[in-house]
Amino acid sequence: MLEHPVIGRLASLAGRFSRYRLRLAGFTNPFYVSHHVVDREGARYVAPAGSYLALRSPSREIVTFADGRIESEVSWLLAGLVRPGDTVLDIGANVGLHTVAMAKAVPQGKVFAFEPVPAMAERLSANCALNGLDNVVLVRCGLGAENAELEMHVNRGGAGMEGTSSFLGTDHMERHPENYAVERLPVRRLDELMITLDPPSRISFIKMDTEGFEPLIIDGARETFARHRPAMLVEAHSTRLRKLGRSFMWYVETFPDYHVFMVPAPTPANPFLQLVPLTEEPGEVCHNLLLLPRIASTIPV
């Protein structure tokens, strides 16, 4: 109910005065925010609840999203993590919503958009053409741990569910199998593909949303990640991770030289952008993860 556009926004007014309290009247506070993001004169900061930065920042500096657009937080984060000449990857590009935003953010750079479903790839191509973009390369395959031809459950019905196609069995497919058809589609290792694609500059940012296949993509891209050390925004879902024998903390273990944050999706009731450090296994959740390479550091002797 709190996610309803009207009810949620009314509730958020009350939430603004209690967002730093974990519990209210003995119950978990649905408005609790453990880590804000502050945008101060174009510089961005993570501000834990109760910190000086969180308490002393005016509301105009606290990053919020109340416009109802799809994944506004992704576009906002992207804008601060890439430069005009960078190379970026959109893995699981679908119809190109983020591909277009990426291409506009790197006008002198290059976007490699990976989309294996033919119908979605065609829409992505049309959307890039509609925006006059000439810096996008559409790669018509999936990514994974091995080169193979795999069966994908492709959504053919169900309003608004075209982004739920997956190489894994998902809850969407299990609830409505009549909306899916099986197609055999190519899957390739990113480490091998990069030799052929030959990116013109360092890969600075990767967005990955592949309905549970993300850990296998990472398994096939270890050399690329080690060489380029990109910032990454990766969808993670508790149930799908368990199907692969992985967990949220697997990301922390796999990328020890990265900061790993959970990015809960903003809602009308809780519209704040949150970057919550991943320090323990969360409950049953689906969040984007933001992985940022650690800066160089030293201990003086």
C-alpha atoms as a PDB file:
ATOM      1  CA  MET A   1       0.000   0.000   0.000  1.00  0.00           C
ATOM      2  CA  LEU A   2       2.872   2.387   0.798  1.00  0.00           C
ATOM      3  CA  GLU A   3       4.107   1.998  -2.788  1.00  0.00           C
ATOM      4  CA  HIS A   4       0.857   3.497  -4.138  1.00  0.00           C
ATOM      5  CA  PRO A   5       1.769   6.858  -5.767  1.00  0.00           C
ATOM      6  CA  VAL A   6      -0.713   8.902  -3.707  1.00  0.00           C
ATOM      7  CA  ILE A   7      -0.749   6.978  -0.411  1.00  0.00           C
ATOM      8  CA  GLY A   8       3.016   6.559  -0.527  1.00  0.00           C
ATOM      9  CA  ARG A   9       3.709  10.250  -0.999  1.00  0.00           C
ATOM     10  CA  LEU A  10       1.354  11.202   1.821  1.00  0.00           C
ATOM     11  CA  ALA A  11       3.028   8.657   4.074  1.00  0.00           C
ATOM     12  CA  SER A  12       6.462   9.945   3.106  1.00  0.00           C
ATOM     13  CA  LEU A  13       5.646  13.269   4.793  1.00  0.00           C
ATOM     14  CA  ALA A  14       5.468  11.466   8.121  1.00  0.00           C
ATOM     15  CA  GLY A  15       8.478   9.372   7.209  1.00  0.00           C
ATOM     16  CA  ARG A  16      10.708  12.411   6.756  1.00  0.00           C
ATOM     17  CA  PHE A  17      10.539  13.068  10.507  1.00  0.00           C
ATOM     18  CA  SER A  18      11.260   9.480  11.557  1.00  0.00           C
ATOM     19  CA  ARG A  19      13.600   8.151   8.881  1.00  0.00           C
ATOM     20  CA  TYR A  20      16.570   7.837  11.257  1.00  0.00           C
ATOM     21  CA  ARG A  21      14.674   5.680  13.794  1.00  0.00           C
ATOM     22  CA  LEU A  22      14.959   1.939  13.154  1.00  0.00           C
ATOM     23  CA  ARG A  23      11.867   1.159  15.237  1.00  0.00           C
ATOM     24  CA  LEU A  24       8.610   2.996  15.964  1.00  0.00           C
ATOM     25  CA  ALA A  25       6.365   1.916  18.862  1.00  0.00           C
ATOM     26  CA  GLY A  26       8.188  -1.425  18.959  1.00  0.00           C
ATOM     27  CA  PHE A  27       7.754  -2.128  15.222  1.00  0.00           C
ATOM     28  CA  THR A  28      10.217  -1.927  12.346  1.00  0.00           C
ATOM     29  CA  ASN A  29       9.990   1.553  10.861  1.00  0.00           C
ATOM     30  CA  PRO A  30       9.142   1.276   7.120  1.00  0.00           C
ATOM     31  CA  PHE A  31      10.600   4.759   6.572  1.00  0.00           C
ATOM     32  CA  TYR A  32      13.989   4.001   8.111  1.00  0.00           C
ATOM     33  CA  VAL A  33      16.975   5.139   6.023  1.00  0.00           C
ATOM     34  CA  SER A  34      20.354   3.854   7.171  1.00  0.00           C
ATOM     35  CA  HIS A  35      22.456   5.653   4.552  1.00  0.00           C
ATOM     36  CA  HIS A  36      21.518   8.739   2.555  1.00  0.00           C
ATOM     37  CA  VAL A  37      23.334  10.111  -0.473  1.00  0.00           C
ATOM     38  CA  VAL A  38      24.109  13.823  -0.340  1.00  0.00           C
ATOM     39  CA  ASP A  39      24.715  15.903  -3.471  1.00  0.00           C
ATOM     40  CA  ARG A  40      26.590  19.023  -2.402  1.00  0.00           C
ATOM     41  CA  GLU A  41      27.632  21.391  -5.183  1.00  0.00           C
ATOM     42  CA  GLY A  42      28.006  18.512  -7.630  1.00  0.00           C
ATOM     43  CA  ALA A  43      30.034  16.323  -5.242  1.00  0.00           C
ATOM     44  CA  ARG A  44      28.438  13.130  -3.956  1.00  0.00           C
ATOM     45  CA  TYR A  45      28.764  11.650  -0.474  1.00  0.00           C
ATOM     46  CA  VAL A  46      27.490   8.607   1.419  1.00  0.00           C
ATOM     47  CA  ALA A  47      25.957   9.827   4.682  1.00  0.00           C
ATOM     48  CA  PRO A  48      25.120   7.239   7.383  1.00  0.00           C
ATOM     49  CA  ALA A  49      22.116   7.966   9.604  1.00  0.00           C
ATOM     50  CA  GLY A  50      23.145  10.079  12.573  1.00  0.00           C
ATOM     51  CA  SER A  51      26.294  11.359  10.899  1.00  0.00           C
ATOM     52  CA  TYR A  52      27.117  15.047  10.752  1.00  0.00           C
ATOM     53  CA  LEU A  53      26.671  15.063   6.975  1.00  0.00           C
ATOM     54  CA  ALA A  54      23.202  13.490   7.136  1.00  0.00           C
ATOM     55  CA  LEU A  55      21.941  15.620  10.003  1.00  0.00           C
ATOM     56  CA  ARG A  56      23.326  18.941   8.744  1.00  0.00           C
ATOM     57  CA  SER A  57      22.420  18.629   5.056  1.00  0.00           C
ATOM     58  CA  PRO A  58      19.318  20.544   3.926  1.00  0.00           C
ATOM     59  CA  SER A  59      16.584  18.584   2.185  1.00  0.00           C
ATOM     60  CA  ARG A  60      17.590  19.966  -1.225  1.00  0.00           C
ATOM     61  CA  GLU A  61      20.947  18.182  -0.882  1.00  0.00           C
ATOM     62  CA  ILE A  62      19.455  14.792   0.073  1.00  0.00           C
ATOM     63  CA  VAL A  63      19.060  12.826  -3.171  1.00  0.00           C
ATOM     64  CA  THR A  64      15.453  11.741  -3.733  1.00  0.00           C
ATOM     65  CA  PHE A  65      13.443  10.398  -6.658  1.00  0.00           C
ATOM     66  CA  ALA A  66       9.730  11.153  -6.636  1.00  0.00           C
ATOM     67  CA  ASP A  67       8.958  11.411 -10.348  1.00  0.00           C
ATOM     68  CA  GLY A  68       7.909   7.781 -10.846  1.00  0.00           C
ATOM     69  CA  ARG A  69      10.302   7.130 -13.730  1.00  0.00           C
ATOM     70  CA  ILE A  70      11.781   3.642 -14.115  1.00  0.00           C
ATOM     71  CA  GLU A  71      15.103   3.280 -12.259  1.00  0.00           C
ATOM     72  CA  SER A  72      15.837   7.002 -12.005  1.00  0.00           C
ATOM     73  CA  GLU A  73      18.572   6.130  -9.522  1.00  0.00           C
ATOM     74  CA  VAL A  74      20.459   4.163 -12.197  1.00  0.00           C
ATOM     75  CA  SER A  75      20.634   7.144 -14.536  1.00  0.00           C
ATOM     76  CA  TRP A  76      21.669   9.438 -11.658  1.00  0.00           C
ATOM     77  CA  LEU A  77      24.493   7.146 -10.569  1.00  0.00           C
ATOM     78  CA  LEU A  78      25.609   6.642 -14.166  1.00  0.00           C
ATOM     79  CA  ALA A  79      25.964  10.381 -14.721  1.00  0.00           C
ATOM     80  CA  GLY A  80      28.581  10.629 -11.973  1.00  0.00           C
ATOM     81  CA  LEU A  81      30.570   7.530 -12.852  1.00  0.00           C
ATOM     82  CA  VAL A  82      31.413   7.998 -16.544  1.00  0.00           C
ATOM     83  CA  ARG A  83      33.199  10.576 -18.665  1.00  0.00           C
ATOM     84  CA  PRO A  84      32.500  11.582 -22.296  1.00  0.00           C
ATOM     85  CA  GLY A  85      35.194   9.363 -23.830  1.00  0.00           C
ATOM     86  CA  ASP A  86      34.599   6.221 -21.731  1.00  0.00           C
ATOM     87  CA  THR A  87      33.564   2.746 -22.813  1.00  0.00           C
ATOM     88  CA  VAL A  88      30.566   1.284 -20.973  1.00  0.00           C
ATOM     89  CA  LEU A  89      28.726  -2.049 -21.151  1.00  0.00           C
ATOM     90  CA  ASP A  90      24.968  -2.626 -20.907  1.00  0.00           C
ATOM     91  CA  ILE A  91      24.573  -6.348 -20.203  1.00  0.00           C
ATOM     92  CA  GLY A  92      20.961  -7.401 -20.496  1.00  0.00           C
ATOM     93  CA  ALA A  93      20.130  -4.258 -22.461  1.00  0.00           C
ATOM     94  CA  ASN A  94      16.511  -5.194 -23.287  1.00  0.00           C
ATOM     95  CA  VAL A  95      14.935  -2.382 -25.357  1.00  0.00           C
ATOM     96  CA  GLY A  96      17.707   0.107 -24.604  1.00  0.00           C
ATOM     97  CA  LEU A  97      16.348   2.305 -21.821  1.00  0.00           C
ATOM     98  CA  HIS A  98      19.759   2.496 -20.165  1.00  0.00           C
ATOM     99  CA  THR A  99      21.693   2.006 -23.412  1.00  0.00           C
ATOM    100  CA  VAL A 100      20.366   5.334 -24.691  1.00  0.00           C
ATOM    101  CA  ALA A 101      21.223   7.106 -21.425  1.00  0.00           C
ATOM    102  CA  MET A 102      24.714   5.603 -21.473  1.00  0.00           C
ATOM    103  CA  ALA A 103      25.318   6.599 -25.091  1.00  0.00           C
ATOM    104  CA  LYS A 104      24.335  10.186 -24.333  1.00  0.00           C
ATOM    105  CA  ALA A 105      26.639  10.216 -21.298  1.00  0.00           C
ATOM    106  CA  VAL A 106      29.677   9.092 -23.380  1.00  0.00           C
ATOM    107  CA  PRO A 107      29.257  11.015 -26.671  1.00  0.00           C
ATOM    108  CA  GLN A 108      32.912  10.498 -27.631  1.00  0.00           C
ATOM    109  CA  GLY A 109      33.006   6.995 -26.178  1.00  0.00           C
ATOM    110  CA  LYS A 110      31.380   3.664 -26.947  1.00  0.00           C
ATOM    111  CA  VAL A 111      28.521   1.571 -25.553  1.00  0.00           C
ATOM    112  CA  PHE A 112      28.455  -2.188 -26.059  1.00  0.00           C
ATOM    113  CA  ALA A 113      24.871  -3.379 -25.539  1.00  0.00           C
ATOM    114  CA  PHE A 114      24.401  -7.125 -25.046  1.00  0.00           C
ATOM    115  CA  GLU A 115      20.923  -8.481 -25.801  1.00  0.00           C
ATOM    116  CA  PRO A 116      20.316 -12.094 -26.930  1.00  0.00           C
ATOM    117  CA  VAL A 117      16.517 -11.987 -27.496  1.00  0.00           C
ATOM    118  CA  PRO A 118      15.998 -11.083 -31.189  1.00  0.00           C
ATOM    119  CA  ALA A 119      12.756  -9.130 -30.654  1.00  0.00           C
ATOM    120  CA  MET A 120      14.294  -7.038 -27.850  1.00  0.00           C
ATOM    121  CA  ALA A 121      17.482  -6.462 -29.860  1.00  0.00           C
ATOM    122  CA  GLU A 122      15.418  -5.109 -32.750  1.00  0.00           C
ATOM    123  CA  ARG A 123      13.611  -2.673 -30.451  1.00  0.00           C
ATOM    124  CA  LEU A 124      16.904  -1.578 -28.941  1.00  0.00           C
ATOM    125  CA  SER A 125      18.330  -0.911 -32.395  1.00  0.00           C
ATOM    126  CA  ALA A 126      15.273   1.130 -33.368  1.00  0.00           C
ATOM    127  CA  ASN A 127      15.404   3.152 -30.140  1.00  0.00           C
ATOM    128  CA  CYS A 128      19.076   4.001 -30.639  1.00  0.00           C
ATOM    129  CA  ALA A 129      18.347   5.033 -34.226  1.00  0.00           C
ATOM    130  CA  LEU A 130      15.433   7.165 -33.064  1.00  0.00           C
ATOM    131  CA  ASN A 131      17.833   9.078 -30.812  1.00  0.00           C
ATOM    132  CA  GLY A 132      20.429   9.537 -33.565  1.00  0.00           C
ATOM    133  CA  LEU A 133      23.083   7.555 -31.686  1.00  0.00           C
ATOM    134  CA  ASP A 134      26.159   6.351 -33.553  1.00  0.00           C
ATOM    135  CA  ASN A 135      28.292   5.221 -30.603  1.00  0.00           C
ATOM    136  CA  VAL A 136      26.396   2.004 -29.733  1.00  0.00           C
ATOM    137  CA  VAL A 137      27.455  -1.499 -30.763  1.00  0.00           C
ATOM    138  CA  LEU A 138      24.670  -4.062 -30.417  1.00  0.00           C
ATOM    139  CA  VAL A 139      26.037  -7.501 -29.497  1.00  0.00           C
ATOM    140  CA  ARG A 140      23.338 -10.085 -30.181  1.00  0.00           C
ATOM    141  CA  CYS A 141      24.251 -12.704 -27.597  1.00  0.00           C
ATOM    142  CA  GLY A 142      24.032 -13.441 -23.905  1.00  0.00           C
ATOM    143  CA  LEU A 143      27.050 -13.634 -21.627  1.00  0.00           C
ATOM    144  CA  GLY A 144      28.001 -16.460 -19.309  1.00  0.00           C
ATOM    145  CA  ALA A 145      30.726 -18.663 -17.859  1.00  0.00           C
ATOM    146  CA  GLU A 146      31.159 -20.751 -21.033  1.00  0.00           C
ATOM    147  CA  ASN A 147      30.602 -20.415 -24.764  1.00  0.00           C
ATOM    148  CA  ALA A 148      27.380 -22.318 -25.492  1.00  0.00           C
ATOM    149  CA  GLU A 149      23.938 -22.339 -27.052  1.00  0.00           C
ATOM    150  CA  LEU A 150      21.490 -22.282 -24.141  1.00  0.00           C
ATOM    151  CA  GLU A 151      17.734 -22.453 -23.782  1.00  0.00           C
ATOM    152  CA  MET A 152      16.176 -19.185 -22.689  1.00  0.00           C
ATOM    153  CA  HIS A 153      12.606 -18.817 -21.434  1.00  0.00           C
ATOM    154  CA  VAL A 154      11.486 -15.842 -23.523  1.00  0.00           C
ATOM    155  CA  ASN A 155       8.463 -13.846 -22.436  1.00  0.00           C
ATOM    156  CA  ARG A 156       5.841 -13.709 -25.184  1.00  0.00           C
ATOM    157  CA  GLY A 157       2.883 -12.443 -23.163  1.00  0.00           C
ATOM    158  CA  GLY A 158       1.959 -10.639 -19.978  1.00  0.00           C
ATOM    159  CA  ALA A 159       1.696  -6.867 -20.086  1.00  0.00           C
ATOM    160  CA  GLY A 160       4.891  -5.118 -19.016  1.00  0.00           C
ATOM    161  CA  MET A 161       6.782  -8.370 -18.407  1.00  0.00           C
ATOM    162  CA  GLU A 162       9.001  -8.420 -21.502  1.00  0.00           C
ATOM    163  CA  GLY A 163      12.057  -7.866 -19.323  1.00  0.00           C
ATOM    164  CA  THR A 164      11.618 -11.169 -17.459  1.00  0.00           C
ATOM    165  CA  SER A 165      13.147 -13.502 -20.076  1.00  0.00           C
ATOM    166  CA  SER A 166      15.831 -15.636 -18.440  1.00  0.00           C
ATOM    167  CA  PHE A 167      18.243 -18.520 -18.908  1.00  0.00           C
ATOM    168  CA  LEU A 168      17.202 -19.563 -15.368  1.00  0.00           C
ATOM    169  CA  GLY A 169      13.753 -20.549 -14.162  1.00  0.00           C
ATOM    170  CA  THR A 170      12.366 -17.440 -12.418  1.00  0.00           C
ATOM    171  CA  ASP A 171       9.339 -16.871 -10.227  1.00  0.00           C
ATOM    172  CA  HIS A 172       7.635 -15.031 -13.104  1.00  0.00           C
ATOM    173  CA  MET A 173       7.989 -18.047 -15.357  1.00  0.00           C
ATOM    174  CA  GLU A 174       6.910 -20.504 -12.680  1.00  0.00           C
ATOM    175  CA  ARG A 175       3.721 -18.535 -11.984  1.00  0.00           C
ATOM    176  CA  HIS A 176       2.780 -17.997 -15.637  1.00  0.00           C
ATOM    177  CA  PRO A 177       4.506 -20.602 -17.848  1.00  0.00           C
ATOM    178  CA  GLU A 178       1.927 -19.965 -20.576  1.00  0.00           C
ATOM    179  CA  ASN A 179       3.570 -16.582 -21.223  1.00  0.00           C
ATOM    180  CA  TYR A 180       6.981 -18.061 -22.084  1.00  0.00           C
ATOM    181  CA  ALA A 181       8.493 -19.921 -25.019  1.00  0.00           C
ATOM    182  CA  VAL A 182      11.885 -21.630 -25.181  1.00  0.00           C
ATOM    183  CA  GLU A 183      14.491 -20.337 -27.641  1.00  0.00           C
ATOM    184  CA  ARG A 184      18.077 -21.523 -28.073  1.00  0.00           C
ATOM    185  CA  LEU A 185      20.322 -18.482 -28.015  1.00  0.00           C
ATOM    186  CA  PRO A 186      24.099 -17.900 -28.107  1.00  0.00           C
ATOM    187  CA  VAL A 187      26.038 -17.277 -24.894  1.00  0.00           C
ATOM    188  CA  ARG A 188      29.677 -16.174 -24.872  1.00  0.00           C
ATOM    189  CA  ARG A 189      32.399 -15.460 -22.308  1.00  0.00           C
ATOM    190  CA  LEU A 190      33.053 -11.734 -21.989  1.00  0.00           C
ATOM    191  CA  ASP A 191      36.808 -12.310 -21.594  1.00  0.00           C
ATOM    192  CA  GLU A 192      36.965 -13.852 -25.072  1.00  0.00           C
ATOM    193  CA  LEU A 193      34.566 -11.378 -26.681  1.00  0.00           C
ATOM    194  CA  MET A 194      36.596  -8.385 -25.526  1.00  0.00           C
ATOM    195  CA  ILE A 195      39.473  -9.518 -27.756  1.00  0.00           C
ATOM    196  CA  THR A 196      37.168  -9.289 -30.788  1.00  0.00           C
ATOM    197  CA  LEU A 197      35.245  -6.178 -29.743  1.00  0.00           C
ATOM    198  CA  ASP A 198      38.473  -4.325 -28.918  1.00  0.00           C
ATOM    199  CA  PRO A 199      37.062  -1.453 -26.798  1.00  0.00           C
ATOM    200  CA  PRO A 200      38.621   1.893 -27.725  1.00  0.00           C
ATOM    201  CA  SER A 201      39.175   2.964 -24.104  1.00  0.00           C
ATOM    202  CA  ARG A 202      39.043   1.654 -20.552  1.00  0.00           C
ATOM    203  CA  ILE A 203      35.686   0.117 -19.567  1.00  0.00           C
ATOM    204  CA  SER A 204      34.588   2.457 -16.800  1.00  0.00           C
ATOM    205  CA  PHE A 205      31.059   1.269 -16.051  1.00  0.00           C
ATOM    206  CA  ILE A 206      28.950  -1.876 -16.444  1.00  0.00           C
ATOM    207  CA  LYS A 207      25.218  -2.261 -15.898  1.00  0.00           C
ATOM    208  CA  MET A 208      24.147  -5.891 -15.531  1.00  0.00           C
ATOM    209  CA  ASP A 209      20.518  -7.046 -15.302  1.00  0.00           C
ATOM    210  CA  THR A 210      20.030 -10.598 -16.571  1.00  0.00           C
ATOM    211  CA  GLU A 211      17.345 -12.131 -14.351  1.00  0.00           C
ATOM    212  CA  GLY A 212      19.664 -14.188 -12.156  1.00  0.00           C
ATOM    213  CA  PHE A 213      22.464 -15.045 -14.607  1.00  0.00           C
ATOM    214  CA  GLU A 214      24.801 -12.334 -13.283  1.00  0.00           C
ATOM    215  CA  PRO A 215      27.199 -14.569 -11.249  1.00  0.00           C
ATOM    216  CA  LEU A 216      27.845 -16.782 -14.286  1.00  0.00           C
ATOM    217  CA  ILE A 217      28.552 -13.710 -16.403  1.00  0.00           C
ATOM    218  CA  ILE A 218      31.066 -12.591 -13.784  1.00  0.00           C
ATOM    219  CA  ASP A 219      32.696 -16.040 -13.831  1.00  0.00           C
ATOM    220  CA  GLY A 220      33.349 -15.571 -17.540  1.00  0.00           C
ATOM    221  CA  ALA A 221      34.655 -12.016 -17.166  1.00  0.00           C
ATOM    222  CA  ARG A 222      37.236 -12.162 -14.365  1.00  0.00           C
ATOM    223  CA  GLU A 223      40.135 -11.057 -16.598  1.00  0.00           C
ATOM    224  CA  THR A 224      38.141  -8.136 -18.005  1.00  0.00           C
ATOM    225  CA  PHE A 225      37.167  -6.908 -14.551  1.00  0.00           C
ATOM    226  CA  ALA A 226      40.727  -7.235 -13.251  1.00  0.00           C
ATOM    227  CA  ARG A 227      42.146  -5.319 -16.228  1.00  0.00           C
ATOM    228  CA  HIS A 228      39.604  -2.475 -16.372  1.00  0.00           C
ATOM    229  CA  ARG A 229      38.286  -2.278 -12.770  1.00  0.00           C
ATOM    230  CA  PRO A 230      34.951  -0.779 -13.834  1.00  0.00           C
ATOM    231  CA  ALA A 231      32.263   0.517 -11.528  1.00  0.00           C
ATOM    232  CA  MET A 232      29.332  -1.904 -11.764  1.00  0.00           C
ATOM    233  CA  LEU A 233      25.616  -1.843 -11.088  1.00  0.00           C
ATOM    234  CA  VAL A 234      24.351  -5.414 -10.806  1.00  0.00           C
ATOM    235  CA  GLU A 235      20.879  -6.741 -10.053  1.00  0.00           C
ATOM    236  CA  ALA A 236      20.871  -9.353  -7.261  1.00  0.00           C
ATOM    237  CA  HIS A 237      17.944 -11.493  -6.102  1.00  0.00           C
ATOM    238  CA  SER A 238      18.127 -13.786  -3.066  1.00  0.00           C
ATOM    239  CA  THR A 239      16.173 -16.687  -4.603  1.00  0.00           C
ATOM    240  CA  ARG A 240      18.049 -16.627  -7.905  1.00  0.00           C
ATOM    241  CA  LEU A 241      21.416 -16.445  -6.151  1.00  0.00           C
ATOM    242  CA  ARG A 242      20.554 -19.565  -4.158  1.00  0.00           C
ATOM    243  CA  LYS A 243      19.738 -21.441  -7.382  1.00  0.00           C
ATOM    244  CA  LEU A 244      23.366 -20.950  -8.389  1.00  0.00           C
ATOM    245  CA  GLY A 245      24.753 -21.747  -4.937  1.00  0.00           C
ATOM    246  CA  ARG A 246      25.684 -18.100  -4.376  1.00  0.00           C
ATOM    247  CA  SER A 247      24.644 -15.355  -1.970  1.00  0.00           C
ATOM    248  CA  PHE A 248      24.792 -11.581  -1.617  1.00  0.00           C
ATOM    249  CA  MET A 249      28.007 -11.925   0.375  1.00  0.00           C
ATOM    250  CA  TRP A 250      29.514 -13.813  -2.568  1.00  0.00           C
ATOM    251  CA  TYR A 251      29.949 -10.396  -4.191  1.00  0.00           C
ATOM    252  CA  VAL A 252      31.944  -9.115  -1.223  1.00  0.00           C
ATOM    253  CA  GLU A 253      34.134 -12.239  -1.299  1.00  0.00           C
ATOM    254  CA  THR A 254      34.583 -12.119  -5.086  1.00  0.00           C
ATOM    255  CA  PHE A 255      35.467  -8.410  -5.220  1.00  0.00           C
ATOM    256  CA  PRO A 256      37.602  -7.699  -2.129  1.00  0.00           C
ATOM    257  CA  ASP A 257      39.101  -4.624  -3.808  1.00  0.00           C
ATOM    258  CA  TYR A 258      35.652  -3.062  -4.254  1.00  0.00           C
ATOM    259  CA  HIS A 259      33.188  -1.233  -2.036  1.00  0.00           C
ATOM    260  CA  VAL A 260      29.863  -3.085  -2.348  1.00  0.00           C
ATOM    261  CA  PHE A 261      26.617  -1.213  -1.651  1.00  0.00           C
ATOM    262  CA  MET A 262      22.989  -2.294  -1.774  1.00  0.00           C
ATOM    263  CA  VAL A 263      20.777   0.190  -3.617  1.00  0.00           C
ATOM    264  CA  PRO A 264      17.136  -0.271  -2.512  1.00  0.00           C
ATOM    265  CA  ALA A 265      14.717   0.978  -5.148  1.00  0.00           C
ATOM    266  CA  PRO A 266      13.134   4.307  -4.179  1.00  0.00           C
ATOM    267  CA  THR A 267       9.377   4.209  -3.589  1.00  0.00           C
ATOM    268  CA  PRO A 268       6.762   6.975  -3.185  1.00  0.00           C
ATOM    269  CA  ALA A 269       6.813   6.361   0.577  1.00  0.00           C
ATOM    270  CA  ASN A 270      10.601   6.249   0.785  1.00  0.00           C
ATOM    271  CA  PRO A 271      11.948   8.190  -2.215  1.00  0.00           C
ATOM    272  CA  PHE A 272      15.520   8.581  -0.969  1.00  0.00           C
ATOM    273  CA  LEU A 273      18.541   7.232  -2.793  1.00  0.00           C
ATOM    274  CA  GLN A 274      20.263   4.861  -0.373  1.00  0.00           C
ATOM    275  CA  LEU A 275      23.728   3.308  -0.638  1.00  0.00           C
ATOM    276  CA  VAL A 276      23.870   0.720   2.137  1.00  0.00           C
ATOM    277  CA  PRO A 277      27.236  -1.030   2.645  1.00  0.00           C
ATOM    278  CA  LEU A 278      26.839  -4.790   2.217  1.00  0.00           C
ATOM    279  CA  THR A 279      28.309  -6.235   5.412  1.00  0.00           C
ATOM    280  CA  GLU A 280      26.054  -9.229   6.072  1.00  0.00           C
ATOM    281  CA  GLU A 281      23.562 -11.397   4.221  1.00  0.00           C
ATOM    282  CA  PRO A 282      20.239  -9.537   3.931  1.00  0.00           C
ATOM    283  CA  GLY A 283      16.828 -11.151   4.090  1.00  0.00           C
ATOM    284  CA  GLU A 284      14.772 -12.174   1.085  1.00  0.00           C
ATOM    285  CA  VAL A 285      15.341  -9.152  -1.136  1.00  0.00           C
ATOM    286  CA  CYS A 286      15.944  -8.014  -4.691  1.00  0.00           C
ATOM    287  CA  HIS A 287      18.264  -5.011  -4.893  1.00  0.00           C
ATOM    288  CA  ASN A 288      20.720  -3.514  -7.284  1.00  0.00           C
ATOM    289  CA  LEU A 289      24.302  -3.712  -6.040  1.00  0.00           C
ATOM    290  CA  LEU A 290      26.724  -0.881  -6.704  1.00  0.00           C
ATOM    291  CA  LEU A 291      30.352  -2.008  -6.844  1.00  0.00           C
ATOM    292  CA  LEU A 292      32.951   0.766  -6.747  1.00  0.00           C
ATOM    293  CA  PRO A 293      36.690   0.037  -7.036  1.00  0.00           C
ATOM    294  CA  ARG A 294      38.607   1.087  -3.947  1.00  0.00           C
ATOM    295  CA  ILE A 295      40.999   3.984  -4.384  1.00  0.00           C
ATOM    296  CA  ALA A 296      44.725   3.462  -3.905  1.00  0.00           C
ATOM    297  CA  SER A 297      45.803   3.596  -0.258  1.00  0.00           C
ATOM    298  CA  THR A 298      48.899   3.084   1.829  1.00  0.00           C
ATOM    299  CA  ILE A 299      49.993   2.765   5.432  1.00  0.00           C
ATOM    300  CA  PRO A 300      52.894   5.127   6.176  1.00  0.00           C
ATOM    301  CA  VAL A 301      55.980   3.622   7.781  1.00  0.00           C
END
